[in-house]
């Protein structure tokens, strides 16, 4: 089974609609910022060691990401480098998504 990358535009739209169905709303298009924040979070979590992050809070505030991270333990230098790389990649990928006209509104 192939899983679509959470950054893919179709995955973001589908996630939005799924969230609406699960919440009993008629359409997921009304909370695209929340959907993109959730996809950002999943993107990061799936690329880091499972025992590193205690929590990862992601929100979009005033058109930019607000991120709060809690760690279970002190990361090794390699893990810290990976953490920074993953966040930079996620920020670049998802920043592009929130700037697209079909997601901005």
PDB file of N, CA and C in Angstrom:
ATOM      1  N   UNK A   1       0.833  -1.166   0.000  1.00  0.00           N
ATOM      2  CA  UNK A   1       0.000   0.000   0.000  1.00  0.00           C
ATOM      3  C   UNK A   1       0.891   1.247   0.000  1.00  0.00           C
ATOM      4  N   UNK A   2       0.569   2.192  -0.841  1.00  0.00           N
ATOM      5  CA  UNK A   2       1.311   3.435  -0.918  1.00  0.00           C
ATOM      6  C   UNK A   2       0.552   4.517  -0.168  1.00  0.00           C
ATOM      7  N   UNK A   3       1.278   5.282   0.628  1.00  0.00           N
ATOM      8  CA  UNK A   3       0.680   6.374   1.389  1.00  0.00           C
ATOM      9  C   UNK A   3       1.144   7.685   0.763  1.00  0.00           C
ATOM     10  N   UNK A   4       0.195   8.576   0.533  1.00  0.00           N
ATOM     11  CA  UNK A   4       0.508   9.865  -0.067  1.00  0.00           C
ATOM     12  C   UNK A   4       1.261  10.741   0.926  1.00  0.00           C
ATOM     13  N   UNK A   5       2.238  11.458   0.436  1.00  0.00           N
ATOM     14  CA  UNK A   5       3.005  12.387   1.260  1.00  0.00           C
ATOM     15  C   UNK A   5       2.065  13.435   1.839  1.00  0.00           C
ATOM     16  N   UNK A   6       2.157  13.734   3.147  1.00  0.00           N
ATOM     17  CA  UNK A   6       1.244  14.700   3.754  1.00  0.00           C
ATOM     18  C   UNK A   6       1.359  16.114   3.175  1.00  0.00           C
ATOM     19  N   UNK A   7       2.429  16.397   2.431  1.00  0.00           N
ATOM     20  CA  UNK A   7       2.601  17.713   1.818  1.00  0.00           C
ATOM     21  C   UNK A   7       1.829  17.819   0.503  1.00  0.00           C
ATOM     22  N   UNK A   8       1.498  16.695  -0.107  1.00  0.00           N
ATOM     23  CA  UNK A   8       0.813  16.698  -1.396  1.00  0.00           C
ATOM     24  C   UNK A   8      -0.506  17.471  -1.274  1.00  0.00           C
ATOM     25  N   UNK A   9      -0.792  18.355  -2.229  1.00  0.00           N
ATOM     26  CA  UNK A   9      -2.029  19.153  -2.154  1.00  0.00           C
ATOM     27  C   UNK A   9      -3.297  18.309  -2.012  1.00  0.00           C
ATOM     28  N   UNK A  10      -3.360  17.181  -2.701  1.00  0.00           N
ATOM     29  CA  UNK A  10      -4.545  16.321  -2.590  1.00  0.00           C
ATOM     30  C   UNK A  10      -4.665  15.721  -1.195  1.00  0.00           C
ATOM     31  N   UNK A  11      -3.528  15.399  -0.574  1.00  0.00           N
ATOM     32  CA  UNK A  11      -3.567  14.846   0.786  1.00  0.00           C
ATOM     33  C   UNK A  11      -4.100  15.882   1.767  1.00  0.00           C
ATOM     34  N   UNK A  12      -3.741  17.134   1.574  1.00  0.00           N
ATOM     35  CA  UNK A  12      -4.221  18.187   2.464  1.00  0.00           C
ATOM     36  C   UNK A  12      -5.726  18.374   2.312  1.00  0.00           C
ATOM     37  N   UNK A  13      -6.202  18.418   1.071  1.00  0.00           N
ATOM     38  CA  UNK A  13      -7.644  18.555   0.835  1.00  0.00           C
ATOM     39  C   UNK A  13      -8.382  17.348   1.404  1.00  0.00           C
ATOM     40  N   UNK A  14      -7.879  16.148   1.136  1.00  0.00           N
ATOM     41  CA  UNK A  14      -8.532  14.931   1.636  1.00  0.00           C
ATOM     42  C   UNK A  14      -8.566  14.902   3.160  1.00  0.00           C
ATOM     43  N   UNK A  15      -7.473  15.307   3.781  1.00  0.00           N
ATOM     44  CA  UNK A  15      -7.422  15.346   5.253  1.00  0.00           C
ATOM     45  C   UNK A  15      -8.465  16.321   5.789  1.00  0.00           C
ATOM     46  N   UNK A  16      -8.623  17.444   5.108  1.00  0.00           N
ATOM     47  CA  UNK A  16      -9.606  18.439   5.520  1.00  0.00           C
ATOM     48  C   UNK A  16     -11.019  17.873   5.459  1.00  0.00           C
ATOM     49  N   UNK A  17     -11.318  17.190   4.368  1.00  0.00           N
ATOM     50  CA  UNK A  17     -12.651  16.597   4.230  1.00  0.00           C
ATOM     51  C   UNK A  17     -12.874  15.465   5.236  1.00  0.00           C
ATOM     52  N   UNK A  18     -11.860  14.643   5.470  1.00  0.00           N
ATOM     53  CA  UNK A  18     -11.979  13.567   6.451  1.00  0.00           C
ATOM     54  C   UNK A  18     -12.246  14.141   7.833  1.00  0.00           C
ATOM     55  N   UNK A  19     -11.523  15.198   8.196  1.00  0.00           N
ATOM     56  CA  UNK A  19     -11.755  15.847   9.487  1.00  0.00           C
ATOM     57  C   UNK A  19     -13.180  16.354   9.620  1.00  0.00           C
ATOM     58  N   UNK A  20     -13.721  16.902   8.540  1.00  0.00           N
ATOM     59  CA  UNK A  20     -15.102  17.382   8.568  1.00  0.00           C
ATOM     60  C   UNK A  20     -16.072  16.234   8.781  1.00  0.00           C
ATOM     61  N   UNK A  21     -15.847  15.131   8.094  1.00  0.00           N
ATOM     62  CA  UNK A  21     -16.734  13.964   8.244  1.00  0.00           C
ATOM     63  C   UNK A  21     -16.671  13.441   9.674  1.00  0.00           C
ATOM     64  N   UNK A  22     -15.462  13.298  10.203  1.00  0.00           N
ATOM     65  CA  UNK A  22     -15.305  12.767  11.559  1.00  0.00           C
ATOM     66  C   UNK A  22     -15.910  13.688  12.616  1.00  0.00           C
ATOM     67  N   UNK A  23     -15.879  15.010  12.350  1.00  0.00           N
ATOM     68  CA  UNK A  23     -16.450  15.990  13.282  1.00  0.00           C
ATOM     69  C   UNK A  23     -17.931  16.246  13.050  1.00  0.00           C
ATOM     70  N   UNK A  24     -18.493  15.655  12.001  1.00  0.00           N
ATOM     71  CA  UNK A  24     -19.906  15.856  11.702  1.00  0.00           C
ATOM     72  C   UNK A  24     -20.197  17.189  11.025  1.00  0.00           C
ATOM     73  N   UNK A  25     -19.177  17.801  10.427  1.00  0.00           N
ATOM     74  CA  UNK A  25     -19.385  19.041   9.681  1.00  0.00           C
ATOM     75  C   UNK A  25     -19.656  18.696   8.223  1.00  0.00           C
ATOM     76  N   UNK A  26     -20.210  19.646   7.479  1.00  0.00           N
ATOM     77  CA  UNK A  26     -20.574  19.370   6.092  1.00  0.00           C
ATOM     78  C   UNK A  26     -19.390  19.450   5.132  1.00  0.00           C
ATOM     79  N   UNK A  27     -18.372  20.238   5.460  1.00  0.00           N
ATOM     80  CA  UNK A  27     -17.235  20.385   4.555  1.00  0.00           C
ATOM     81  C   UNK A  27     -15.985  20.680   5.368  1.00  0.00           C
ATOM     82  N   UNK A  28     -14.862  20.153   4.927  1.00  0.00           N
ATOM     83  CA  UNK A  28     -13.613  20.400   5.625  1.00  0.00           C
ATOM     84  C   UNK A  28     -12.880  21.629   5.146  1.00  0.00           C
ATOM     85  N   UNK A  29     -13.440  22.321   4.170  1.00  0.00           N
ATOM     86  CA  UNK A  29     -12.744  23.467   3.580  1.00  0.00           C
ATOM     87  C   UNK A  29     -12.655  24.663   4.525  1.00  0.00           C
ATOM     88  N   UNK A  30     -13.471  24.688   5.549  1.00  0.00           N
ATOM     89  CA  UNK A  30     -13.495  25.837   6.442  1.00  0.00           C
ATOM     90  C   UNK A  30     -12.307  25.927   7.389  1.00  0.00           C
ATOM     91  N   UNK A  31     -11.584  24.842   7.602  1.00  0.00           N
ATOM     92  CA  UNK A  31     -10.455  24.865   8.533  1.00  0.00           C
ATOM     93  C   UNK A  31      -9.181  24.370   7.862  1.00  0.00           C
ATOM     94  N   UNK A  32      -8.845  24.975   6.739  1.00  0.00           N
ATOM     95  CA  UNK A  32      -7.636  24.547   6.033  1.00  0.00           C
ATOM     96  C   UNK A  32      -6.380  24.833   6.849  1.00  0.00           C
ATOM     97  N   UNK A  33      -6.379  25.911   7.617  1.00  0.00           N
ATOM     98  CA  UNK A  33      -5.206  26.207   8.448  1.00  0.00           C
ATOM     99  C   UNK A  33      -4.970  25.085   9.455  1.00  0.00           C
ATOM    100  N   UNK A  34      -6.031  24.625  10.102  1.00  0.00           N
ATOM    101  CA  UNK A  34      -5.911  23.515  11.046  1.00  0.00           C
ATOM    102  C   UNK A  34      -5.472  22.236  10.367  1.00  0.00           C
ATOM    103  N   UNK A  35      -5.996  22.005   9.176  1.00  0.00           N
ATOM    104  CA  UNK A  35      -5.631  20.810   8.415  1.00  0.00           C
ATOM    105  C   UNK A  35      -4.157  20.840   8.033  1.00  0.00           C
ATOM    106  N   UNK A  36      -3.680  21.993   7.577  1.00  0.00           N
ATOM    107  CA  UNK A  36      -2.273  22.118   7.198  1.00  0.00           C
ATOM    108  C   UNK A  36      -1.386  21.973   8.436  1.00  0.00           C
ATOM    109  N   UNK A  37      -1.801  22.538   9.558  1.00  0.00           N
ATOM    110  CA  UNK A  37      -1.029  22.399  10.802  1.00  0.00           C
ATOM    111  C   UNK A  37      -0.947  20.929  11.218  1.00  0.00           C
ATOM    112  N   UNK A  38      -2.046  20.197  11.096  1.00  0.00           N
ATOM    113  CA  UNK A  38      -2.040  18.766  11.428  1.00  0.00           C
ATOM    114  C   UNK A  38      -1.119  17.989  10.490  1.00  0.00           C
ATOM    115  N   UNK A  39      -1.146  18.326   9.203  1.00  0.00           N
ATOM    116  CA  UNK A  39      -0.285  17.654   8.231  1.00  0.00           C
ATOM    117  C   UNK A  39       1.191  17.966   8.508  1.00  0.00           C
ATOM    118  N   UNK A  40       1.480  19.209   8.883  1.00  0.00           N
ATOM    119  CA  UNK A  40       2.845  19.613   9.252  1.00  0.00           C
ATOM    120  C   UNK A  40       3.326  18.748  10.421  1.00  0.00           C
ATOM    121  N   UNK A  41       2.463  18.628  11.417  1.00  0.00           N
ATOM    122  CA  UNK A  41       2.800  17.848  12.612  1.00  0.00           C
ATOM    123  C   UNK A  41       3.103  16.393  12.242  1.00  0.00           C
ATOM    124  N   UNK A  42       2.245  15.797  11.414  1.00  0.00           N
ATOM    125  CA  UNK A  42       2.454  14.409  10.988  1.00  0.00           C
ATOM    126  C   UNK A  42       3.752  14.274  10.192  1.00  0.00           C
ATOM    127  N   UNK A  43       4.011  15.231   9.317  1.00  0.00           N
ATOM    128  CA  UNK A  43       5.230  15.230   8.513  1.00  0.00           C
ATOM    129  C   UNK A  43       6.455  15.151   9.416  1.00  0.00           C
ATOM    130  N   UNK A  44       6.478  15.970  10.457  1.00  0.00           N
ATOM    131  CA  UNK A  44       7.620  16.008  11.373  1.00  0.00           C
ATOM    132  C   UNK A  44       7.714  14.724  12.190  1.00  0.00           C
ATOM    133  N   UNK A  45       6.620  14.330  12.805  1.00  0.00           N
ATOM    134  CA  UNK A  45       6.620  13.167  13.701  1.00  0.00           C
ATOM    135  C   UNK A  45       7.072  11.902  12.998  1.00  0.00           C
ATOM    136  N   UNK A  46       6.654  11.724  11.746  1.00  0.00           N
ATOM    137  CA  UNK A  46       6.992  10.488  11.036  1.00  0.00           C
ATOM    138  C   UNK A  46       8.435  10.451  10.560  1.00  0.00           C
ATOM    139  N   UNK A  47       9.164  11.529  10.718  1.00  0.00           N
ATOM    140  CA  UNK A  47      10.544  11.586  10.262  1.00  0.00           C
ATOM    141  C   UNK A  47      11.562  11.666  11.398  1.00  0.00           C
ATOM    142  N   UNK A  48      11.087  11.528  12.627  1.00  0.00           N
ATOM    143  CA  UNK A  48      11.973  11.597  13.792  1.00  0.00           C
ATOM    144  C   UNK A  48      11.859  10.327  14.628  1.00  0.00           C
ATOM    145  N   UNK A  49      12.881  10.041  15.451  1.00  0.00           N
ATOM    146  CA  UNK A  49      12.794   8.871  16.329  1.00  0.00           C
ATOM    147  C   UNK A  49      11.558   8.967  17.229  1.00  0.00           C
ATOM    148  N   UNK A  50      10.860   7.864  17.392  1.00  0.00           N
ATOM    149  CA  UNK A  50       9.614   7.838  18.153  1.00  0.00           C
ATOM    150  C   UNK A  50       9.756   8.197  19.621  1.00  0.00           C
ATOM    151  N   UNK A  51      10.949   8.055  20.161  1.00  0.00           N
ATOM    152  CA  UNK A  51      11.136   8.328  21.590  1.00  0.00           C
ATOM    153  C   UNK A  51      11.709   9.716  21.861  1.00  0.00           C
ATOM    154  N   UNK A  52      11.739  10.586  20.849  1.00  0.00           N
ATOM    155  CA  UNK A  52      12.356  11.895  21.029  1.00  0.00           C
ATOM    156  C   UNK A  52      11.341  12.974  21.423  1.00  0.00           C
ATOM    157  N   UNK A  53      10.242  13.071  20.697  1.00  0.00           N
ATOM    158  CA  UNK A  53       9.272  14.132  20.955  1.00  0.00           C
ATOM    159  C   UNK A  53       8.249  13.732  22.008  1.00  0.00           C
ATOM    160  N   UNK A  54       8.098  14.566  22.994  1.00  0.00           N
ATOM    161  CA  UNK A  54       7.035  14.406  23.990  1.00  0.00           C
ATOM    162  C   UNK A  54       5.742  15.002  23.444  1.00  0.00           C
ATOM    163  N   UNK A  55       5.866  16.194  22.843  1.00  0.00           N
ATOM    164  CA  UNK A  55       4.708  16.839  22.245  1.00  0.00           C
ATOM    165  C   UNK A  55       5.181  17.756  21.133  1.00  0.00           C
ATOM    166  N   UNK A  56       4.296  17.984  20.185  1.00  0.00           N
ATOM    167  CA  UNK A  56       4.556  18.900  19.089  1.00  0.00           C
ATOM    168  C   UNK A  56       3.248  19.613  18.783  1.00  0.00           C
ATOM    169  N   UNK A  57       3.179  20.871  19.175  1.00  0.00           N
ATOM    170  CA  UNK A  57       1.991  21.690  18.926  1.00  0.00           C
ATOM    171  C   UNK A  57       2.280  22.589  17.736  1.00  0.00           C
ATOM    172  N   UNK A  58       1.401  22.527  16.742  1.00  0.00           N
ATOM    173  CA  UNK A  58       1.567  23.332  15.536  1.00  0.00           C
ATOM    174  C   UNK A  58       0.258  24.066  15.281  1.00  0.00           C
ATOM    175  N   UNK A  59       0.368  25.355  15.026  1.00  0.00           N
ATOM    176  CA  UNK A  59      -0.800  26.169  14.663  1.00  0.00           C
ATOM    177  C   UNK A  59      -0.350  27.179  13.619  1.00  0.00           C
ATOM    178  N   UNK A  60      -1.305  27.681  12.870  1.00  0.00           N
ATOM    179  CA  UNK A  60      -1.014  28.763  11.938  1.00  0.00           C
ATOM    180  C   UNK A  60      -1.636  30.022  12.518  1.00  0.00           C
ATOM    181  N   UNK A  61      -0.776  30.987  12.792  1.00  0.00           N
ATOM    182  CA  UNK A  61      -1.197  32.247  13.403  1.00  0.00           C
ATOM    183  C   UNK A  61      -0.715  33.387  12.511  1.00  0.00           C
ATOM    184  N   UNK A  62      -1.639  34.218  12.094  1.00  0.00           N
ATOM    185  CA  UNK A  62      -1.306  35.355  11.219  1.00  0.00           C
ATOM    186  C   UNK A  62      -0.509  34.926   9.992  1.00  0.00           C
ATOM    187  N   UNK A  63      -0.901  33.796   9.399  1.00  0.00           N
ATOM    188  CA  UNK A  63      -0.279  33.333   8.167  1.00  0.00           C
ATOM    189  C   UNK A  63       1.084  32.692   8.314  1.00  0.00           C
ATOM    190  N   UNK A  64       1.487  32.374   9.534  1.00  0.00           N
ATOM    191  CA  UNK A  64       2.771  31.709   9.729  1.00  0.00           C
ATOM    192  C   UNK A  64       2.628  30.629  10.804  1.00  0.00           C
ATOM    193  N   UNK A  65       3.592  29.725  10.827  1.00  0.00           N
ATOM    194  CA  UNK A  65       3.542  28.619  11.773  1.00  0.00           C
ATOM    195  C   UNK A  65       3.987  29.044  13.165  1.00  0.00           C
ATOM    196  N   UNK A  66       3.231  28.614  14.154  1.00  0.00           N
ATOM    197  CA  UNK A  66       3.620  28.746  15.554  1.00  0.00           C
ATOM    198  C   UNK A  66       3.847  27.313  16.035  1.00  0.00           C
ATOM    199  N   UNK A  67       5.063  27.033  16.469  1.00  0.00           N
ATOM    200  CA  UNK A  67       5.452  25.665  16.809  1.00  0.00           C
ATOM    201  C   UNK A  67       5.997  25.628  18.233  1.00  0.00           C
ATOM    202  N   UNK A  68       5.493  24.674  19.004  1.00  0.00           N
ATOM    203  CA  UNK A  68       6.008  24.428  20.350  1.00  0.00           C
ATOM    204  C   UNK A  68       6.380  22.957  20.444  1.00  0.00           C
ATOM    205  N   UNK A  69       7.591  22.708  20.928  1.00  0.00           N
ATOM    206  CA  UNK A  69       8.127  21.351  20.975  1.00  0.00           C
ATOM    207  C   UNK A  69       8.507  20.997  22.405  1.00  0.00           C
ATOM    208  N   UNK A  70       8.174  19.795  22.808  1.00  0.00           N
ATOM    209  CA  UNK A  70       8.626  19.235  24.077  1.00  0.00           C
ATOM    210  C   UNK A  70       9.348  17.936  23.788  1.00  0.00           C
ATOM    211  N   UNK A  71      10.500  17.742  24.419  1.00  0.00           N
ATOM    212  CA  UNK A  71      11.298  16.539  24.183  1.00  0.00           C
ATOM    213  C   UNK A  71      11.239  15.611  25.390  1.00  0.00           C
ATOM    214  N   UNK A  72      11.256  14.316  25.117  1.00  0.00           N
ATOM    215  CA  UNK A  72      11.312  13.321  26.193  1.00  0.00           C
ATOM    216  C   UNK A  72      12.689  13.288  26.825  1.00  0.00           C
ATOM    217  N   UNK A  73      13.699  13.561  26.001  1.00  0.00           N
ATOM    218  CA  UNK A  73      15.081  13.419  26.461  1.00  0.00           C
ATOM    219  C   UNK A  73      15.966  14.375  25.680  1.00  0.00           C
ATOM    220  N   UNK A  74      17.188  14.505  26.138  1.00  0.00           N
ATOM    221  CA  UNK A  74      18.180  15.328  25.446  1.00  0.00           C
ATOM    222  C   UNK A  74      18.575  14.616  24.144  1.00  0.00           C
ATOM    223  N   UNK A  75      18.469  15.289  22.996  1.00  0.00           N
ATOM    224  CA  UNK A  75      18.831  14.628  21.737  1.00  0.00           C
ATOM    225  C   UNK A  75      20.350  14.558  21.549  1.00  0.00           C
ATOM    226  N   UNK A  76      20.788  13.556  20.826  1.00  0.00           N
ATOM    227  CA  UNK A  76      22.193  13.495  20.422  1.00  0.00           C
ATOM    228  C   UNK A  76      22.418  14.593  19.384  1.00  0.00           C
ATOM    229  N   UNK A  77      23.656  14.870  19.063  1.00  0.00           N
ATOM    230  CA  UNK A  77      23.937  15.903  18.059  1.00  0.00           C
ATOM    231  C   UNK A  77      23.339  15.505  16.709  1.00  0.00           C
ATOM    232  N   UNK A  78      23.453  14.228  16.343  1.00  0.00           N
ATOM    233  CA  UNK A  78      22.867  13.764  15.079  1.00  0.00           C
ATOM    234  C   UNK A  78      21.345  13.943  15.082  1.00  0.00           C
ATOM    235  N   UNK A  79      20.717  13.632  16.205  1.00  0.00           N
ATOM    236  CA  UNK A  79      19.265  13.802  16.308  1.00  0.00           C
ATOM    237  C   UNK A  79      18.878  15.277  16.252  1.00  0.00           C
ATOM    238  N   UNK A  80      19.659  16.117  16.872  1.00  0.00           N
ATOM    239  CA  UNK A  80      19.400  17.553  16.838  1.00  0.00           C
ATOM    240  C   UNK A  80      19.540  18.085  15.414  1.00  0.00           C
ATOM    241  N   UNK A  81      20.567  17.625  14.707  1.00  0.00           N
ATOM    242  CA  UNK A  81      20.744  18.016  13.313  1.00  0.00           C
ATOM    243  C   UNK A  81      19.551  17.550  12.473  1.00  0.00           C
ATOM    244  N   UNK A  82      19.117  16.320  12.701  1.00  0.00           N
ATOM    245  CA  UNK A  82      17.962  15.767  11.971  1.00  0.00           C
ATOM    246  C   UNK A  82      16.697  16.551  12.310  1.00  0.00           C
ATOM    247  N   UNK A  83      16.506  16.868  13.580  1.00  0.00           N
ATOM    248  CA  UNK A  83      15.349  17.640  14.026  1.00  0.00           C
ATOM    249  C   UNK A  83      15.302  18.986  13.301  1.00  0.00           C
ATOM    250  N   UNK A  84      16.418  19.683  13.260  1.00  0.00           N
ATOM    251  CA  UNK A  84      16.477  20.972  12.573  1.00  0.00           C
ATOM    252  C   UNK A  84      16.216  20.821  11.078  1.00  0.00           C
ATOM    253  N   UNK A  85      16.785  19.793  10.472  1.00  0.00           N
ATOM    254  CA  UNK A  85      16.584  19.543   9.045  1.00  0.00           C
ATOM    255  C   UNK A  85      15.110  19.262   8.739  1.00  0.00           C
ATOM    256  N   UNK A  86      14.485  18.435   9.550  1.00  0.00           N
ATOM    257  CA  UNK A  86      13.076  18.092   9.332  1.00  0.00           C
ATOM    258  C   UNK A  86      12.189  19.318   9.488  1.00  0.00           C
ATOM    259  N   UNK A  87      12.435  20.123  10.512  1.00  0.00           N
ATOM    260  CA  UNK A  87      11.625  21.332  10.704  1.00  0.00           C
ATOM    261  C   UNK A  87      11.825  22.324   9.562  1.00  0.00           C
ATOM    262  N   UNK A  88      13.059  22.478   9.090  1.00  0.00           N
ATOM    263  CA  UNK A  88      13.315  23.389   7.974  1.00  0.00           C
ATOM    264  C   UNK A  88      12.603  22.911   6.707  1.00  0.00           C
ATOM    265  N   UNK A  89      12.670  21.610   6.446  1.00  0.00           N
ATOM    266  CA  UNK A  89      12.005  21.052   5.279  1.00  0.00           C
ATOM    267  C   UNK A  89      10.495  21.214   5.393  1.00  0.00           C
ATOM    268  N   UNK A  90       9.947  20.870   6.550  1.00  0.00           N
ATOM    269  CA  UNK A  90       8.500  20.994   6.757  1.00  0.00           C
ATOM    270  C   UNK A  90       8.062  22.447   6.602  1.00  0.00           C
ATOM    271  N   UNK A  91       8.813  23.341   7.195  1.00  0.00           N
ATOM    272  CA  UNK A  91       8.450  24.757   7.108  1.00  0.00           C
ATOM    273  C   UNK A  91       8.437  25.215   5.654  1.00  0.00           C
ATOM    274  N   UNK A  92       9.463  24.854   4.894  1.00  0.00           N
ATOM    275  CA  UNK A  92       9.532  25.258   3.487  1.00  0.00           C
ATOM    276  C   UNK A  92       8.382  24.656   2.686  1.00  0.00           C
ATOM    277  N   UNK A  93       8.131  23.360   2.868  1.00  0.00           N
ATOM    278  CA  UNK A  93       7.069  22.685   2.114  1.00  0.00           C
ATOM    279  C   UNK A  93       5.690  23.234   2.451  1.00  0.00           C
ATOM    280  N   UNK A  94       5.406  23.350   3.734  1.00  0.00           N
ATOM    281  CA  UNK A  94       4.063  23.766   4.140  1.00  0.00           C
ATOM    282  C   UNK A  94       3.868  25.273   4.040  1.00  0.00           C
ATOM    283  N   UNK A  95       4.925  26.037   4.152  1.00  0.00           N
ATOM    284  CA  UNK A  95       4.830  27.490   3.956  1.00  0.00           C
ATOM    285  C   UNK A  95       4.342  27.759   2.538  1.00  0.00           C
ATOM    286  N   UNK A  96       4.867  26.979   1.610  1.00  0.00           N
ATOM    287  CA  UNK A  96       4.435  27.084   0.220  1.00  0.00           C
ATOM    288  C   UNK A  96       2.935  26.788   0.105  1.00  0.00           C
ATOM    289  N   UNK A  97       2.465  25.795   0.843  1.00  0.00           N
ATOM    290  CA  UNK A  97       1.043  25.409   0.780  1.00  0.00           C
ATOM    291  C   UNK A  97       0.127  26.494   1.332  1.00  0.00           C
ATOM    292  N   UNK A  98       0.506  27.109   2.448  1.00  0.00           N
ATOM    293  CA  UNK A  98      -0.397  28.113   3.023  1.00  0.00           C
ATOM    294  C   UNK A  98      -0.379  29.413   2.236  1.00  0.00           C
ATOM    295  N   UNK A  99       0.606  29.575   1.345  1.00  0.00           N
ATOM    296  CA  UNK A  99       0.635  30.775   0.510  1.00  0.00           C
ATOM    297  C   UNK A  99      -0.147  30.589  -0.793  1.00  0.00           C
ATOM    298  N   UNK A 100      -0.543  29.347  -1.109  1.00  0.00           N
ATOM    299  CA  UNK A 100      -1.327  29.106  -2.328  1.00  0.00           C
ATOM    300  C   UNK A 100      -2.733  29.662  -2.162  1.00  0.00           C
ATOM    301  N   UNK A 101      -3.255  30.315  -3.191  1.00  0.00           N
ATOM    302  CA  UNK A 101      -4.586  30.941  -3.104  1.00  0.00           C
ATOM    303  C   UNK A 101      -5.695  29.987  -2.684  1.00  0.00           C
ATOM    304  N   UNK A 102      -5.649  28.726  -3.090  1.00  0.00           N
ATOM    305  CA  UNK A 102      -6.762  27.825  -2.754  1.00  0.00           C
ATOM    306  C   UNK A 102      -6.772  27.432  -1.276  1.00  0.00           C
ATOM    307  N   UNK A 103      -5.675  27.696  -0.559  1.00  0.00           N
ATOM    308  CA  UNK A 103      -5.626  27.403   0.877  1.00  0.00           C
ATOM    309  C   UNK A 103      -5.751  28.644   1.733  1.00  0.00           C
ATOM    310  N   UNK A 104      -5.527  29.791   1.151  1.00  0.00           N
ATOM    311  CA  UNK A 104      -5.448  31.034   1.925  1.00  0.00           C
ATOM    312  C   UNK A 104      -6.784  31.484   2.492  1.00  0.00           C
ATOM    313  N   UNK A 105      -7.857  31.060   1.922  1.00  0.00           N
ATOM    314  CA  UNK A 105      -9.132  31.625   2.341  1.00  0.00           C
ATOM    315  C   UNK A 105      -9.898  30.798   3.261  1.00  0.00           C
TER     316      UNK A 105
END
